[in-house]
C-alpha atoms as a PDB file:
ATOM      1  CA  UNK A   1      -8.465  41.827 -72.412  1.00  0.00           C
ATOM      2  CA  UNK A   2      -9.520  44.140 -69.985  1.00  0.00           C
ATOM      3  CA  UNK A   3      -7.268  46.427 -68.113  1.00  0.00           C
ATOM      4  CA  UNK A   4      -7.373  47.326 -64.343  1.00  0.00           C
ATOM      5  CA  UNK A   5      -5.961  50.463 -63.135  1.00  0.00           C
ATOM      6  CA  UNK A   6      -4.723  51.099 -59.634  1.00  0.00           C
ATOM      7  CA  UNK A   7      -2.919  53.957 -58.231  1.00  0.00           C
ATOM      8  CA  UNK A   8      -0.446  52.940 -55.571  1.00  0.00           C
ATOM      9  CA  UNK A   9       0.890  55.611 -53.061  1.00  0.00           C
ATOM     10  CA  UNK A  10       4.497  56.654 -53.478  1.00  0.00           C
ATOM     11  CA  UNK A  11       5.882  54.376 -50.771  1.00  0.00           C
ATOM     12  CA  UNK A  12       4.244  51.305 -52.412  1.00  0.00           C
ATOM     13  CA  UNK A  13       5.482  52.438 -55.867  1.00  0.00           C
ATOM     14  CA  UNK A  14       9.047  52.517 -54.544  1.00  0.00           C
ATOM     15  CA  UNK A  15       8.763  49.035 -53.125  1.00  0.00           C
ATOM     16  CA  UNK A  16       7.382  47.701 -56.457  1.00  0.00           C
ATOM     17  CA  UNK A  17      10.326  49.325 -58.376  1.00  0.00           C
ATOM     18  CA  UNK A  18      12.862  47.982 -55.927  1.00  0.00           C
ATOM     19  CA  UNK A  19      11.554  44.408 -56.028  1.00  0.00           C
ATOM     20  CA  UNK A  20      11.366  44.441 -59.762  1.00  0.00           C
ATOM     21  CA  UNK A  21      14.919  45.556 -60.079  1.00  0.00           C
ATOM     22  CA  UNK A  22      15.988  42.936 -57.709  1.00  0.00           C
ATOM     23  CA  UNK A  23      14.403  40.199 -59.558  1.00  0.00           C
ATOM     24  CA  UNK A  24      15.308  41.704 -62.879  1.00  0.00           C
ATOM     25  CA  UNK A  25      11.729  41.867 -64.268  1.00  0.00           C
ATOM     26  CA  UNK A  26       9.407  44.805 -65.255  1.00  0.00           C
ATOM     27  CA  UNK A  27       6.971  46.253 -62.902  1.00  0.00           C
ATOM     28  CA  UNK A  28       4.050  44.990 -65.068  1.00  0.00           C
ATOM     29  CA  UNK A  29       5.323  41.477 -64.657  1.00  0.00           C
ATOM     30  CA  UNK A  30       5.870  41.746 -60.919  1.00  0.00           C
ATOM     31  CA  UNK A  31       2.334  43.133 -60.520  1.00  0.00           C
ATOM     32  CA  UNK A  32       0.910  40.305 -62.670  1.00  0.00           C
ATOM     33  CA  UNK A  33       2.800  37.725 -60.443  1.00  0.00           C
ATOM     34  CA  UNK A  34       1.659  39.245 -57.203  1.00  0.00           C
ATOM     35  CA  UNK A  35      -1.970  39.039 -58.482  1.00  0.00           C
ATOM     36  CA  UNK A  36      -1.582  35.537 -59.756  1.00  0.00           C
ATOM     37  CA  UNK A  37       0.138  34.439 -56.470  1.00  0.00           C
ATOM     38  CA  UNK A  38      -2.638  36.257 -54.491  1.00  0.00           C
ATOM     39  CA  UNK A  39      -5.425  34.444 -56.324  1.00  0.00           C
ATOM     40  CA  UNK A  40      -3.787  30.941 -56.038  1.00  0.00           C
ATOM     41  CA  UNK A  41      -2.838  31.747 -52.479  1.00  0.00           C
ATOM     42  CA  UNK A  42      -6.647  32.382 -51.560  1.00  0.00           C
ATOM     43  CA  UNK A  43      -7.764  28.879 -52.718  1.00  0.00           C
ATOM     44  CA  UNK A  44      -4.772  27.072 -51.158  1.00  0.00           C
ATOM     45  CA  UNK A  45      -5.105  29.360 -48.170  1.00  0.00           C
ATOM     46  CA  UNK A  46      -8.693  28.418 -47.757  1.00  0.00           C
ATOM     47  CA  UNK A  47      -7.871  24.760 -48.037  1.00  0.00           C
ATOM     48  CA  UNK A  48      -5.165  25.315 -45.581  1.00  0.00           C
ATOM     49  CA  UNK A  49      -7.438  27.183 -43.190  1.00  0.00           C
ATOM     50  CA  UNK A  50     -10.048  24.251 -43.578  1.00  0.00           C
ATOM     51  CA  UNK A  51      -7.248  21.788 -42.712  1.00  0.00           C
ATOM     52  CA  UNK A  52      -6.217  23.829 -39.883  1.00  0.00           C
ATOM     53  CA  UNK A  53      -9.782  24.312 -38.610  1.00  0.00           C
ATOM     54  CA  UNK A  54     -10.199  20.497 -38.825  1.00  0.00           C
ATOM     55  CA  UNK A  55      -6.978  19.782 -36.911  1.00  0.00           C
ATOM     56  CA  UNK A  56      -8.040  22.436 -34.276  1.00  0.00           C
ATOM     57  CA  UNK A  57     -11.306  20.866 -34.071  1.00  0.00           C
ATOM     58  CA  UNK A  58      -9.895  17.452 -33.558  1.00  0.00           C
ATOM     59  CA  UNK A  59      -7.438  18.966 -31.176  1.00  0.00           C
ATOM     60  CA  UNK A  60     -10.230  20.659 -29.233  1.00  0.00           C
ATOM     61  CA  UNK A  61     -12.140  17.333 -29.169  1.00  0.00           C
ATOM     62  CA  UNK A  62      -9.096  15.518 -27.678  1.00  0.00           C
ATOM     63  CA  UNK A  63      -8.603  18.347 -25.146  1.00  0.00           C
ATOM     64  CA  UNK A  64     -12.211  18.120 -24.254  1.00  0.00           C
ATOM     65  CA  UNK A  65     -11.950  14.258 -23.773  1.00  0.00           C
ATOM     66  CA  UNK A  66      -8.737  14.797 -21.781  1.00  0.00           C
ATOM     67  CA  UNK A  67     -10.700  17.321 -19.828  1.00  0.00           C
ATOM     68  CA  UNK A  68     -13.462  14.901 -19.157  1.00  0.00           C
ATOM     69  CA  UNK A  69     -10.902  12.266 -17.972  1.00  0.00           C
ATOM     70  CA  UNK A  70      -9.284  14.703 -15.594  1.00  0.00           C
ATOM     71  CA  UNK A  71     -12.704  15.860 -14.288  1.00  0.00           C
ATOM     72  CA  UNK A  72     -13.720  12.252 -13.636  1.00  0.00           C
ATOM     73  CA  UNK A  73     -10.254  11.662 -11.988  1.00  0.00           C
ATOM     74  CA  UNK A  74     -10.731  14.786  -9.743  1.00  0.00           C
ATOM     75  CA  UNK A  75     -14.096  13.534  -8.715  1.00  0.00           C
ATOM     76  CA  UNK A  76     -12.804  10.064  -7.891  1.00  0.00           C
ATOM     77  CA  UNK A  77      -9.783  11.909  -5.879  1.00  0.00           C
ATOM     78  CA  UNK A  78     -12.401  13.973  -4.079  1.00  0.00           C
ATOM     79  CA  UNK A  79     -14.438  10.883  -3.104  1.00  0.00           C
ATOM     80  CA  UNK A  80     -11.261   9.076  -1.952  1.00  0.00           C
ATOM     81  CA  UNK A  81     -10.390  12.295   0.085  1.00  0.00           C
ATOM     82  CA  UNK A  82     -13.762  12.228   1.608  1.00  0.00           C
ATOM     83  CA  UNK A  83     -13.357   8.576   2.603  1.00  0.00           C
ATOM     84  CA  UNK A  84      -9.908   9.071   3.958  1.00  0.00           C
ATOM     85  CA  UNK A  85     -11.249  12.027   5.942  1.00  0.00           C
ATOM     86  CA  UNK A  86     -13.831   9.531   7.443  1.00  0.00           C
ATOM     87  CA  UNK A  87     -11.011   7.143   8.413  1.00  0.00           C
ATOM     88  CA  UNK A  88      -9.010   9.916   9.854  1.00  0.00           C
ATOM     89  CA  UNK A  89     -12.054  11.114  12.003  1.00  0.00           C
ATOM     90  CA  UNK A  90     -12.736   7.450  13.134  1.00  0.00           C
ATOM     91  CA  UNK A  91      -8.931   7.192  14.041  1.00  0.00           C
ATOM     92  CA  UNK A  92      -8.999  10.497  15.845  1.00  0.00           C
ATOM     93  CA  UNK A  93     -12.008   9.317  17.935  1.00  0.00           C
ATOM     94  CA  UNK A  94     -10.152   6.104  18.579  1.00  0.00           C
ATOM     95  CA  UNK A  95      -6.925   7.960  19.581  1.00  0.00           C
ATOM     96  CA  UNK A  96      -8.853  10.134  21.850  1.00  0.00           C
ATOM     97  CA  UNK A  97     -10.611   7.145  23.504  1.00  0.00           C
ATOM     98  CA  UNK A  98      -7.352   5.355  23.878  1.00  0.00           C
ATOM     99  CA  UNK A  99      -5.780   8.367  25.277  1.00  0.00           C
ATOM    100  CA  UNK A 100      -8.535   8.706  27.897  1.00  0.00           C
ATOM    101  CA  UNK A 101      -8.219   4.813  28.579  1.00  0.00           C
ATOM    102  CA  UNK A 102      -4.574   5.447  29.002  1.00  0.00           C
ATOM    103  CA  UNK A 103      -5.109   8.157  31.521  1.00  0.00           C
ATOM    104  CA  UNK A 104      -7.529   6.066  33.407  1.00  0.00           C
ATOM    105  CA  UNK A 105      -5.109   3.206  33.436  1.00  0.00           C
ATOM    106  CA  UNK A 106      -2.350   5.551  34.728  1.00  0.00           C
ATOM    107  CA  UNK A 107      -4.545   6.803  37.443  1.00  0.00           C
ATOM    108  CA  UNK A 108      -5.385   3.092  38.431  1.00  0.00           C
ATOM    109  CA  UNK A 109      -1.662   2.371  38.222  1.00  0.00           C
ATOM    110  CA  UNK A 110      -0.709   5.201  40.368  1.00  0.00           C
ATOM    111  CA  UNK A 111      -3.443   4.239  42.980  1.00  0.00           C
ATOM    112  CA  UNK A 112      -2.162   0.654  42.967  1.00  0.00           C
ATOM    113  CA  UNK A 113       1.396   1.840  43.308  1.00  0.00           C
ATOM    114  CA  UNK A 114       0.373   4.094  46.306  1.00  0.00           C
ATOM    115  CA  UNK A 115      -1.503   0.963  47.805  1.00  0.00           C
ATOM    116  CA  UNK A 116       1.587  -1.069  47.333  1.00  0.00           C
ATOM    117  CA  UNK A 117       3.730   1.447  49.114  1.00  0.00           C
ATOM    118  CA  UNK A 118       1.317   1.628  51.817  1.00  0.00           C
ATOM    119  CA  UNK A 119       1.230  -2.212  52.047  1.00  0.00           C
ATOM    120  CA  UNK A 120       5.062  -2.300  52.149  1.00  0.00           C
ATOM    121  CA  UNK A 121       5.116   0.389  54.723  1.00  0.00           C
ATOM    122  CA  UNK A 122       2.610  -1.428  56.895  1.00  0.00           C
ATOM    123  CA  UNK A 123       4.704  -4.771  56.394  1.00  0.00           C
ATOM    124  CA  UNK A 124       7.829  -2.875  57.523  1.00  0.00           C
ATOM    125  CA  UNK A 125       6.142  -1.586  60.596  1.00  0.00           C
ATOM    126  CA  UNK A 126       4.726  -5.116  61.236  1.00  0.00           C
ATOM    127  CA  UNK A 127       8.232  -6.605  60.728  1.00  0.00           C
ATOM    128  CA  UNK A 128       9.589  -4.068  63.166  1.00  0.00           C
ATOM    129  CA  UNK A 129       6.969  -4.899  65.934  1.00  0.00           C
ATOM    130  CA  UNK A 130       7.558  -8.537  65.367  1.00  0.00           C
ATOM    131  CA  UNK A 131      11.330  -7.962  65.911  1.00  0.00           C
ATOM    132  CA  UNK A 132      10.629  -5.881  68.947  1.00  0.00           C
ATOM    133  CA  UNK A 133       8.497  -8.508  70.348  1.00  0.00           C
ATOM    134  CA  UNK A 134      10.944 -11.267  69.845  1.00  0.00           C
ATOM    135  CA  UNK A 135      13.611  -9.374  71.355  1.00  0.00           C
ATOM    136  CA  UNK A 136      11.368  -8.732  74.276  1.00  0.00           C
ATOM    137  CA  UNK A 137      10.284 -12.170  74.674  1.00  0.00           C
ATOM    138  CA  UNK A 138      13.858 -13.244  74.445  1.00  0.00           C
ATOM    139  CA  UNK A 139      14.717 -10.914  77.245  1.00  0.00           C
ATOM    140  CA  UNK A 140      11.918 -11.958  79.208  1.00  0.00           C
ATOM    141  CA  UNK A 141      12.709 -15.774  78.678  1.00  0.00           C
ATOM    142  CA  UNK A 142      16.284 -15.020  79.814  1.00  0.00           C
ATOM    143  CA  UNK A 143      14.982 -13.264  83.111  1.00  0.00           C
ATOM    144  CA  UNK A 144      12.086 -15.551  83.818  1.00  0.00           C
ATOM    145  CA  UNK A 145      13.831 -18.703  84.941  1.00  0.00           C
ATOM    146  CA  UNK A 146      16.070 -16.778  87.258  1.00  0.00           C
ATOM    147  CA  UNK A 147      13.017 -15.079  88.918  1.00  0.00           C
ATOM    148  CA  UNK A 148      11.123 -18.179  89.416  1.00  0.00           C
ATOM    149  CA  UNK A 149      11.721 -20.209  92.525  1.00  0.00           C
ATOM    150  CA  UNK A 150      13.290 -23.553  92.181  1.00  0.00           C
ATOM    151  CA  UNK A 151      11.032 -26.488  93.104  1.00  0.00           C
ATOM    152  CA  UNK A 152      12.268 -29.909  94.231  1.00  0.00           C
ATOM    153  CA  UNK A 153      11.565 -33.000  92.492  1.00  0.00           C
ATOM    154  CA  UNK A 154       8.797 -33.835  94.973  1.00  0.00           C
ATOM    155  CA  UNK A 155       7.210 -30.484  94.710  1.00  0.00           C
ATOM    156  CA  UNK A 156       7.334 -30.840  90.976  1.00  0.00           C
ATOM    157  CA  UNK A 157       5.634 -34.286  91.202  1.00  0.00           C
ATOM    158  CA  UNK A 158       2.931 -32.887  93.459  1.00  0.00           C
ATOM    159  CA  UNK A 159       2.415 -30.159  91.040  1.00  0.00           C
ATOM    160  CA  UNK A 160       2.036 -32.420  88.161  1.00  0.00           C
ATOM    161  CA  UNK A 161      -0.432 -34.592  89.909  1.00  0.00           C
ATOM    162  CA  UNK A 162      -2.518 -32.076  91.745  1.00  0.00           C
ATOM    163  CA  UNK A 163      -5.570 -33.341  89.959  1.00  0.00           C
ATOM    164  CA  UNK A 164      -5.228 -36.765  91.637  1.00  0.00           C
ATOM    165  CA  UNK A 165      -7.209 -36.906  94.783  1.00  0.00           C
ATOM    166  CA  UNK A 166      -6.400 -40.398  96.295  1.00  0.00           C
END
């Protein structure tokens, strides 16, 4: 068998001696175990790294598919947002149109209200004039018979038949 020589520094040599004493084995045996562990570890570590790489690749693929799904969802939401914006724009236009119609109806209503008030005022004036004329006619009708001369029955008959010439 061939020998391999290595000269560890003082600090590493102290760690080797301390570990060998803790385990109750020789330094030579500890170094052999370390080399064997390292060699076996590399093979299993490589397998472990490959497994880890495979799992990371599959995880990356799942994340990529998730990302694609989320991206498609985002595009769908953007298109829905755009359609909702169009609906909002059309509703805003409709609200503005209804607001202007409401304003015109309010103006027309105020105009009709003013006309109605004017009509009521006119009717009130007319009623006052009618009441005045009635009272005046009543006063005249009370005074008129007293002011007219009294005719006898003969005179009344003559007056009634004034058109008869025979």
